[in-house]
Each structure stands twice: as C-alpha cells, then as structure tokens.
C-alpha cells in the first residue's frame, strides 16, 4: 500500500533528515516508526501526504507515485491523527468529526450521519458528546474524536504522529487497547510515529527502528526484540528486551501443562483418594461442561474427611487468561494473585495451566523459532521444567 524507494530528504542547510529510505507497508498493516527525537520518523510520515516533499526517491501509494497527485486530493484520501488532536474549538464534536466528508462534497446529513457512526465506534455516544465542544472533553476523549475524524471519510491509509503521547499512562494504555480493537475491525493501513519502544512493540505488526535518518531494522516486534540487527538496535530496545518480548509472545496450547482435574459434583472422598495416588497437591475444578470453576487442594479435601462434593470445598480461580493472550498478561496474573500458575481457557473451556517454567520455555521457543525461521512447535531444547 505504501512504498518508499530510496527516499532522501536534505534541507537547504545540508541537514539530512532521511537518507536512502526503502521499505514497504502492506495493505491493512500497522507499522510503527520508532526512534529518538530528530531521527526522521515524522519527516518520513509527512512525506506520505506531501506535507514534506522528498529531495530524491519516490513514495508510492497503492502503486501510484504521489508526486504526480494533487496534494489536496491526496490528503483527503489519507487520515491524519496528531498528538495535539487539532480540533476546531468553535465547532461541535459532531461537526469536527464530519469535517473531511463535508470537504469532499458529502451532503451535510450524510456527513453528520457518518460522524455519529464513528463517534459511537470510538466509544463516544453521539447523542451525549456530539453537541459538545472540544473544551468540554477530557484529553483522552479529544484523542478519540481525532481518530474518529481521521476515519470519517473512510480513507485507506491512516497516519498517526504520537497519537497517545499527550495523555496520562492509564488513559494511554486504554486508548491503545481501544485503537487495536478498532483496527481489527476497520483494517486500515497505518503508519504510526512513536518514540516509545513499548508502544511500538505493543501496537505494530512491524517496526521500523530508526537511527539517524536511516532504518536500522524493519521487522516484526518479536524479531526486533529477539534478534536485534545491529548493536544500535540492541541498545535502543534495551537490555530488558526479553521482558518486552513477553508482550508479543502469545500462549499456545503446546505451552500448557495438564494438571489433575476434579468435577464439581464429584464426591470429595474419591477426589482426595485420586490426588493421593497421583501425589498431587491440588486439582483444577471443572463443571459438567468442562468449563473452569476453580481449584481445590488435596489438603482441603482431606480436612473435610471426604464428606460432600468437590464443589463444597473448591475455591474460586482468580488467575486465568485465554489462549492467545500474551505471556506478559499471564505473568502479570501470577504476580497480582501471588499464584504459582495460571489457568488458561479456550473460549469457555479449560485448556490447561501455564507455570513459570512453561512460560520461560515458551519464550525461549519463540526466540529460537524466529532465529531459525521455523514454527515454535518444532523447536527442541532441554526444558527447564524437566531439569
């Protein structure tokens, strides 16, 4: 969708903002441009909508050289979200959101209808927020309006310049989550500038790590964290890149252990005897449909003398995550609930448990799989769990 071919930008004073840049953003992909201030990230992005013209090379959009396209018409095909949002203070939120559709000739009723639809999509009730003015909204709400406005004319490409940088960390994480959900629905081609490697890893399908005017590495977040291409990239992503990789490595069924299982309506005496025979200290408790209910300890079953059912003694399961969740989330659940393992569910059904040893093994498999270009399941090594 977007392709840079040997693009450079040199200013009259000789400053090279971008030097011989070549990479491609595929349709429907979210690519993050990350690097220190002044490295050329924003210059790169602004060359896509011709707010900055390249000195040499070509930028192509959907196969067309944008230098041959009228800049105004080009910009109306591209959504643009900036850190400070840039809403018109004298216009209502609904009219702000309808700005681009109105500019390209939509009827006012259709433009406002589309604006209301987009406000609802970003979590702002148009009947409540539509009549308000920007000054009446919080920073996070204004940022959502900025995203809605950029999407209003249904552009194929979205440019985002530090879009979540002006809000506090809690709101920032919430906005990131909401945008990722939105992106899963609308599948725009997105070029997003950030200086935060954590945000780049979390948001990007691929990451372009900038040095001074050049891309040092262009790859998936997992590959950038697992196999930095240069010492510069290794230093930039940080010595804790293994921890960062937890956020981009998902839980797969092969990562799970299968512990003893007890049923809610199972007699406590039978369950206690079975755990004694297996030498197990606890069991996961499921209902009749195989859905996770909680857990029970062998000690608790012994304490009641085998009376009643497992459900009478079972405890609620606090630490659980779905299959496909990042390892970071599982690790967080372990820490939050002081748990030695987390339960993993597939839909509503119990799939297994993830232990600290298996979490570490999953991370190692992910790194090795990327290094050798093979699926995680084909990686072989001595497991920590077997040591």
Protein backbone atom coordinates (compact mmCIF):
# COMPACT_ATOMS: atom_id res chain seq x y z
CA UNK A 1 0.00 0.00 0.00
CA UNK A 2 2.82 2.44 0.91
CA UNK A 3 6.30 2.04 -0.56
CA UNK A 4 9.41 4.13 -0.05
CA UNK A 5 12.01 3.75 -2.81
CA UNK A 6 15.44 5.22 -1.98
CA UNK A 7 13.84 8.29 -0.43
CA UNK A 8 16.02 11.07 1.00
CA UNK A 9 15.24 14.47 2.47
CA UNK A 10 18.03 17.03 2.69
CA UNK A 11 17.28 20.56 3.86
CA UNK A 12 18.96 23.68 2.39
CA UNK A 13 21.40 23.89 5.32
CA UNK A 14 22.66 20.40 4.45
CA UNK A 15 20.81 18.56 7.21
CA UNK A 16 19.86 15.05 6.05
CA UNK A 17 16.59 14.23 7.81
CA UNK A 18 16.07 10.98 5.89
CA UNK A 19 18.77 9.12 3.99
CA UNK A 20 18.10 6.49 1.28
CA UNK A 21 14.95 5.08 2.86
CA UNK A 22 13.39 1.96 1.33
CA UNK A 23 10.64 -0.13 2.90
CA UNK A 24 7.04 -1.17 2.25
CA UNK A 25 3.88 -1.13 4.35
CA UNK A 26 1.43 -3.81 3.28
CA UNK A 27 -2.31 -3.20 3.00
CA UNK A 28 -4.07 -3.48 6.34
CA UNK A 29 -0.79 -3.43 8.27
CA UNK A 30 0.03 -1.21 11.24
CA UNK A 31 3.68 -0.18 11.12
CA UNK A 32 5.29 1.78 13.93
CA UNK A 33 8.23 4.13 13.30
CA UNK A 34 10.29 4.32 16.47
CA UNK A 35 13.48 6.12 17.37
CA UNK A 36 14.91 9.10 19.28
CA UNK A 37 13.86 12.69 18.63
CA UNK A 38 15.19 14.12 15.39
CA UNK A 39 15.84 10.77 13.72
CA UNK A 40 13.48 11.33 10.77
CA UNK A 41 10.33 9.46 11.86
CA UNK A 42 7.88 12.33 11.46
CA UNK A 43 9.61 13.53 8.29
CA UNK A 44 9.06 10.07 6.82
CA UNK A 45 5.39 10.08 7.71
CA UNK A 46 4.79 13.63 6.43
CA UNK A 47 6.26 12.73 3.07
CA UNK A 48 3.36 10.30 2.58
CA UNK A 49 0.80 13.13 2.49
CA UNK A 50 3.25 15.59 0.92
CA UNK A 51 3.39 17.97 3.84
CA UNK A 52 7.12 17.48 3.23
CA UNK A 53 8.48 16.78 -0.24
CA UNK A 54 11.39 14.33 -0.64
CA UNK A 55 14.65 15.56 -2.14
CA UNK A 56 15.09 12.31 -4.06
CA UNK A 57 13.48 8.93 -4.45
CA UNK A 58 9.81 8.02 -4.72
CA UNK A 59 6.90 7.46 -2.36
CA UNK A 60 4.15 5.27 -3.82
CA UNK A 61 0.59 4.91 -2.55
CA UNK A 62 -1.32 1.91 -3.91
CA UNK A 63 1.23 1.76 -6.73
CA UNK A 64 0.93 5.44 -7.72
CA UNK A 65 3.80 7.91 -7.41
CA UNK A 66 2.32 10.53 -5.10
CA UNK A 67 4.43 13.31 -6.66
CA UNK A 68 2.03 13.17 -9.61
CA UNK A 69 -1.08 13.50 -7.40
CA UNK A 70 -2.62 16.83 -6.40
CA UNK A 71 -1.59 17.31 -2.73
CA UNK A 72 -5.04 18.45 -1.58
CA UNK A 73 -6.79 15.50 -3.18
CA UNK A 74 -4.11 13.18 -1.81
CA UNK A 75 -4.59 14.41 1.76
CA UNK A 76 -8.32 13.88 1.58
CA UNK A 77 -7.61 10.20 0.93
CA UNK A 78 -5.39 9.92 4.00
CA UNK A 79 -6.49 10.13 7.64
CA UNK A 80 -4.17 12.11 9.91
CA UNK A 81 -4.04 11.94 13.71
CA UNK A 82 -1.61 14.13 15.68
CA UNK A 83 -0.69 14.33 19.35
CA UNK A 84 -2.49 17.61 20.00
CA UNK A 85 -5.57 16.44 18.02
CA UNK A 86 -6.15 19.83 16.34
CA UNK A 87 -9.93 20.06 16.75
CA UNK A 88 -11.68 23.30 15.78
CA UNK A 89 -12.61 24.91 19.13
CA UNK A 90 -15.65 26.76 17.73
CA UNK A 91 -17.26 23.67 16.17
CA UNK A 92 -19.18 20.90 17.91
CA UNK A 93 -17.70 17.44 18.20
CA UNK A 94 -20.13 16.14 15.59
CA UNK A 95 -19.18 18.86 13.11
CA UNK A 96 -15.48 18.41 13.85
CA UNK A 97 -15.80 14.72 13.02
CA UNK A 98 -17.73 15.47 9.83
CA UNK A 99 -15.08 17.93 8.55
CA UNK A 100 -13.43 15.81 5.84
CA UNK A 101 -16.62 14.26 4.43
CA UNK A 102 -18.04 17.80 4.11
CA UNK A 103 -14.87 19.00 2.37
CA UNK A 104 -15.05 16.27 -0.26
CA UNK A 105 -18.65 17.09 -1.09
CA UNK A 106 -20.80 14.82 1.01
CA UNK A 107 -24.27 16.13 1.83
CA UNK A 108 -24.40 17.59 5.32
CA UNK A 109 -26.89 14.97 6.52
CA UNK A 110 -24.73 12.11 5.24
CA UNK A 111 -21.55 13.63 6.71
CA UNK A 112 -23.17 14.04 10.12
CA UNK A 113 -24.60 10.53 9.99
CA UNK A 114 -21.14 9.17 9.27
CA UNK A 115 -19.68 11.30 12.08
CA UNK A 116 -22.22 9.93 14.56
CA UNK A 117 -21.40 6.38 13.46
CA UNK A 118 -17.67 6.94 14.00
CA UNK A 119 -18.13 8.61 17.39
CA UNK A 120 -20.11 5.59 18.51
CA UNK A 121 -17.38 3.30 17.14
CA UNK A 122 -14.70 5.00 19.27
CA UNK A 123 -16.86 4.78 22.38
CA UNK A 124 -18.39 8.27 22.47
CA UNK A 125 -22.20 8.37 22.46
CA UNK A 126 -23.01 10.89 19.68
CA UNK A 127 -26.21 11.99 21.43
CA UNK A 128 -24.13 12.94 24.51
CA UNK A 129 -20.83 14.12 23.01
CA UNK A 130 -21.90 15.26 19.53
CA UNK A 131 -23.33 18.63 20.68
CA UNK A 132 -20.36 19.41 22.94
CA UNK A 133 -17.29 21.47 22.12
CA UNK A 134 -13.64 20.34 22.42
CA UNK A 135 -13.07 22.33 25.62
CA UNK A 136 -15.81 20.26 27.29
CA UNK A 137 -13.97 16.97 26.71
CA UNK A 138 -11.05 15.33 28.50
CA UNK A 139 -7.73 14.82 26.73
CA UNK A 140 -8.48 11.15 26.13
CA UNK A 141 -11.93 11.94 24.73
CA UNK A 142 -10.48 14.56 22.37
CA UNK A 143 -7.96 11.99 21.18
CA UNK A 144 -10.79 9.59 20.36
CA UNK A 145 -12.51 12.34 18.40
CA UNK A 146 -9.27 12.86 16.48
CA UNK A 147 -9.25 9.19 15.49
CA UNK A 148 -12.94 9.31 14.53
CA UNK A 149 -12.37 12.41 12.40
CA UNK A 150 -9.43 10.77 10.61
CA UNK A 151 -11.61 7.76 9.76
CA UNK A 152 -14.74 9.70 8.80
CA UNK A 153 -14.21 9.67 5.01
CA UNK A 154 -13.13 6.00 5.17
CA UNK A 155 -9.54 6.61 3.96
CA UNK A 156 -7.45 3.55 3.10
CA UNK A 157 -4.39 4.99 4.88
CA UNK A 158 -4.06 6.45 8.36
CA UNK A 159 -1.05 8.47 9.55
CA UNK A 160 -0.62 8.84 13.31
CA UNK A 161 2.01 11.12 14.86
CA UNK A 162 2.50 10.36 18.58
CA UNK A 163 -1.31 9.98 18.86
CA UNK A 164 -1.40 8.93 22.51
CA UNK A 165 1.52 10.94 23.85
CA UNK A 166 -0.46 13.81 25.41
CA UNK A 167 -2.42 11.75 27.96
CA UNK A 168 -1.51 10.06 31.23
CA UNK A 169 -0.22 6.44 31.22
CA UNK A 170 -3.52 4.87 32.33
CA UNK A 171 -5.56 6.64 29.65
CA UNK A 172 -2.81 5.98 27.13
CA UNK A 173 -2.99 2.22 27.65
CA UNK A 174 -6.77 2.31 27.40
CA UNK A 175 -6.62 4.27 24.14
CA UNK A 176 -4.04 1.86 22.74
CA UNK A 177 -6.30 -1.09 23.56
CA UNK A 178 -9.32 0.61 22.01
CA UNK A 179 -7.43 1.51 18.86
CA UNK A 180 -6.16 -2.05 18.43
CA UNK A 181 -9.74 -3.32 18.72
CA UNK A 182 -10.83 -0.70 16.21
CA UNK A 183 -8.01 -1.62 13.83
CA UNK A 184 -9.07 -5.27 14.00
CA UNK A 185 -12.45 -4.11 12.66
CA UNK A 186 -11.53 -1.45 10.07
CA UNK A 187 -8.11 -2.86 8.94
CA UNK A 188 -6.61 0.40 7.72
CA UNK A 189 -3.03 0.70 6.53
CA UNK A 190 -1.46 2.64 9.40
CA UNK A 191 1.88 4.40 9.75
CA UNK A 192 2.37 5.42 13.37
CA UNK A 193 5.21 7.52 14.82
CA UNK A 194 6.29 6.97 18.39
CA UNK A 195 9.46 7.42 20.47
CA UNK A 196 8.38 4.72 22.94
CA UNK A 197 9.65 1.21 22.17
CA UNK A 198 7.00 -0.29 24.49
CA UNK A 199 4.25 1.37 22.45
CA UNK A 200 5.91 0.38 19.17
CA UNK A 201 6.09 -3.26 20.24
CA UNK A 202 2.55 -3.31 21.53
CA UNK A 203 0.92 -1.60 18.56
CA UNK A 204 2.91 -2.59 15.50
CA UNK A 205 2.56 -5.53 13.15
CA UNK A 206 6.05 -4.48 12.09
CA UNK A 207 8.50 -1.93 13.49
CA UNK A 208 10.93 0.38 11.71
CA UNK A 209 13.70 1.21 14.20
CA UNK A 210 15.36 4.48 13.19
CA UNK A 211 18.93 5.54 13.74
CA UNK A 212 19.89 8.97 12.42
CA UNK A 213 17.78 9.31 9.27
CA UNK A 214 18.06 5.61 8.46
CA UNK A 215 16.10 2.49 9.29
CA UNK A 216 18.40 0.18 11.25
CA UNK A 217 15.91 -2.71 11.35
CA UNK A 218 12.48 -3.34 9.84
CA UNK A 219 10.81 -6.48 11.15
CA UNK A 220 8.14 -7.89 13.45
CA UNK A 221 8.22 -6.83 17.11
CA UNK A 222 9.21 -10.36 18.13
CA UNK A 223 12.15 -10.39 15.70
CA UNK A 224 13.35 -6.93 16.71
CA UNK A 225 13.32 -7.92 20.38
CA UNK A 226 14.65 -11.43 19.83
CA UNK A 227 17.27 -10.74 17.16
CA UNK A 228 18.37 -7.07 17.07
CA UNK A 229 20.04 -6.48 13.69
CA UNK A 230 22.74 -4.11 14.98
CA UNK A 231 24.32 -3.09 18.30
CA UNK A 232 22.39 0.20 17.97
CA UNK A 233 19.05 -1.63 17.82
CA UNK A 234 20.05 -3.85 20.75
CA UNK A 235 20.89 -0.77 22.82
CA UNK A 236 17.74 1.06 21.75
CA UNK A 237 15.30 -1.74 22.60
CA UNK A 238 17.08 -2.18 25.93
CA UNK A 239 18.72 -4.89 27.98
CA UNK A 240 15.25 -5.91 29.19
CA UNK A 241 14.11 -6.81 25.67
CA UNK A 242 13.40 -10.35 26.91
CA UNK A 243 10.76 -8.91 29.24
CA UNK A 244 9.38 -6.73 26.45
CA UNK A 245 9.10 -9.82 24.27
CA UNK A 246 6.62 -11.27 26.76
CA UNK A 247 4.09 -8.78 25.41
CA UNK A 248 4.38 -10.06 21.81
CA UNK A 249 4.66 -13.81 22.51
CA UNK A 250 1.26 -15.46 22.79
CA UNK A 251 0.19 -18.51 24.75
CA UNK A 252 -0.24 -21.60 22.58
CA UNK A 253 -1.85 -24.91 23.59
CA UNK A 254 1.54 -26.64 23.35
CA UNK A 255 2.84 -24.37 26.15
CA UNK A 256 0.39 -25.78 28.69
CA UNK A 257 0.59 -28.49 31.32
CA UNK A 258 -2.37 -30.74 32.10
CA UNK A 259 -2.86 -30.94 35.87
CA UNK A 260 -5.22 -33.29 37.73
CA UNK A 261 -8.86 -32.38 37.20
CA UNK A 262 -11.83 -32.79 39.53
CA UNK A 263 -15.52 -32.26 38.79
CA UNK A 264 -17.82 -30.05 40.82
CA UNK A 265 -20.24 -32.85 41.65
CA UNK A 266 -17.56 -35.49 42.25
CA UNK A 267 -17.53 -36.95 45.77
CA UNK A 268 -14.80 -35.35 47.82
CA UNK A 269 -13.62 -38.74 49.12
CA UNK A 270 -12.99 -40.06 45.60
CA UNK A 271 -11.15 -36.92 44.55
CA UNK A 272 -8.97 -36.97 47.68
CA UNK A 273 -8.01 -40.61 47.10
CA UNK A 274 -7.15 -39.95 43.44
CA UNK A 275 -4.91 -36.99 44.34
CA UNK A 276 -3.14 -39.12 46.97
CA UNK A 277 -2.46 -41.82 44.39
CA UNK A 278 -1.10 -39.27 41.89
CA UNK A 279 0.95 -37.49 44.52
CA UNK A 280 -0.77 -34.23 43.55
CA UNK A 281 -1.27 -31.32 45.91
CA UNK A 282 -4.16 -29.71 44.03
CA UNK A 283 -6.57 -30.12 41.14
CA UNK A 284 -8.39 -27.82 38.77
CA UNK A 285 -12.16 -27.94 39.27
CA UNK A 286 -14.45 -28.02 36.23
CA UNK A 287 -18.20 -28.13 35.86
CA UNK A 288 -20.02 -30.78 33.84
CA UNK A 289 -19.44 -28.88 30.61
CA UNK A 290 -15.66 -28.75 31.02
CA UNK A 291 -15.73 -25.07 31.99
CA UNK A 292 -13.33 -23.68 34.57
CA UNK A 293 -14.85 -23.31 38.02
CA UNK A 294 -11.89 -23.05 40.39
CA UNK A 295 -9.37 -25.23 42.17
CA UNK A 296 -9.14 -27.43 45.21
CA UNK A 297 -6.20 -28.54 47.34
CA UNK A 298 -5.63 -32.14 48.41
CA UNK A 299 -5.21 -30.83 51.96
CA UNK A 300 -8.67 -29.22 51.92
CA UNK A 301 -10.25 -32.44 50.67
CA UNK A 302 -8.51 -34.43 53.41
CA UNK A 303 -9.58 -31.87 56.01
CA UNK A 304 -13.31 -32.42 55.36
CA UNK A 305 -12.80 -36.14 55.78
CA UNK A 306 -14.12 -36.96 52.33
CA UNK A 307 -17.60 -35.64 53.09
CA UNK A 308 -19.71 -33.85 50.48
CA UNK A 309 -18.61 -32.97 46.96
CA UNK A 310 -15.60 -31.26 45.46
CA UNK A 311 -17.76 -28.18 44.86
CA UNK A 312 -18.26 -27.78 48.62
CA UNK A 313 -14.51 -27.30 49.09
CA UNK A 314 -13.42 -25.72 45.81
CA UNK A 315 -12.02 -22.18 45.74
CA UNK A 316 -12.54 -19.55 43.08
CA UNK A 317 -9.90 -19.32 40.34
CA UNK A 318 -8.54 -15.77 40.32
CA UNK A 319 -5.55 -16.20 37.99
CA UNK A 320 -6.65 -17.13 34.47
CA UNK A 321 -6.11 -15.96 30.88
CA UNK A 322 -7.39 -17.02 27.44
CA UNK A 323 -5.39 -18.99 24.89
CA UNK A 324 -3.67 -16.47 22.60
CA UNK A 325 -3.12 -13.91 25.37
CA UNK A 326 0.45 -12.56 25.63
CA UNK A 327 2.80 -14.15 28.09
CA UNK A 328 3.12 -10.77 29.77
CA UNK A 329 -0.54 -10.92 30.79
CA UNK A 330 -0.10 -14.40 32.25
CA UNK A 331 3.00 -13.26 34.16
CA UNK A 332 1.07 -10.26 35.46
CA UNK A 333 -1.75 -12.53 36.71
CA UNK A 334 0.79 -14.70 38.54
CA UNK A 335 2.26 -11.66 40.29
CA UNK A 336 -1.06 -9.98 41.05
CA UNK A 337 -2.57 -13.07 42.67
CA UNK A 338 0.68 -14.47 44.09
CA UNK A 339 -0.02 -17.64 42.12
CA UNK A 340 2.37 -20.41 41.11
CA UNK A 341 0.48 -20.93 37.84
CA UNK A 342 -2.39 -19.54 35.81
CA UNK A 343 -5.32 -21.38 34.28
CA UNK A 344 -5.78 -21.00 30.52
CA UNK A 345 -9.18 -21.19 28.84
CA UNK A 346 -10.14 -21.67 25.21
CA UNK A 347 -13.45 -19.86 24.90
CA UNK A 348 -15.28 -21.10 27.98
CA UNK A 349 -13.49 -24.46 28.20
CA UNK A 350 -10.45 -25.21 30.32
CA UNK A 351 -7.31 -25.79 28.19
CA UNK A 352 -4.53 -26.31 30.76
CA UNK A 353 -2.25 -24.34 33.07
CA UNK A 354 0.81 -22.21 32.44
CA UNK A 355 3.56 -22.49 35.03
CA UNK A 356 6.61 -20.20 35.40
CA UNK A 357 8.83 -22.91 33.90
CA UNK A 358 6.50 -23.34 30.92
CA UNK A 359 6.28 -19.57 30.47
CA UNK A 360 10.07 -19.38 30.28
CA UNK A 361 10.12 -22.32 27.87
CA UNK A 362 7.52 -20.65 25.62
CA UNK A 363 9.63 -17.50 25.49
CA UNK A 364 12.76 -19.48 24.58
CA UNK A 365 10.88 -21.38 21.89
CA UNK A 366 9.62 -18.13 20.41
CA UNK A 367 13.12 -16.65 20.21
CA UNK A 368 14.62 -19.81 18.71
CA UNK A 369 11.75 -20.21 16.24
CA UNK A 370 12.31 -16.69 14.92
CA UNK A 371 16.06 -17.25 14.75
CA UNK A 372 15.67 -20.39 12.61
CA UNK A 373 12.50 -19.46 10.72
CA UNK A 374 10.51 -22.45 11.98
CA UNK A 375 7.25 -22.88 13.94
CA UNK A 376 7.54 -22.77 17.73
CA UNK A 377 6.37 -26.37 18.00
CA UNK A 378 9.42 -27.59 16.05
CA UNK A 379 11.96 -26.04 18.43
CA UNK A 380 13.76 -28.61 20.57
CA UNK A 381 15.87 -27.96 23.63
CA UNK A 382 16.28 -29.17 27.21
CA UNK A 383 13.26 -27.89 29.11
CA UNK A 384 13.64 -26.08 32.39
CA UNK A 385 10.57 -28.00 33.54
CA UNK A 386 12.45 -31.29 33.01
CA UNK A 387 15.64 -30.20 34.75
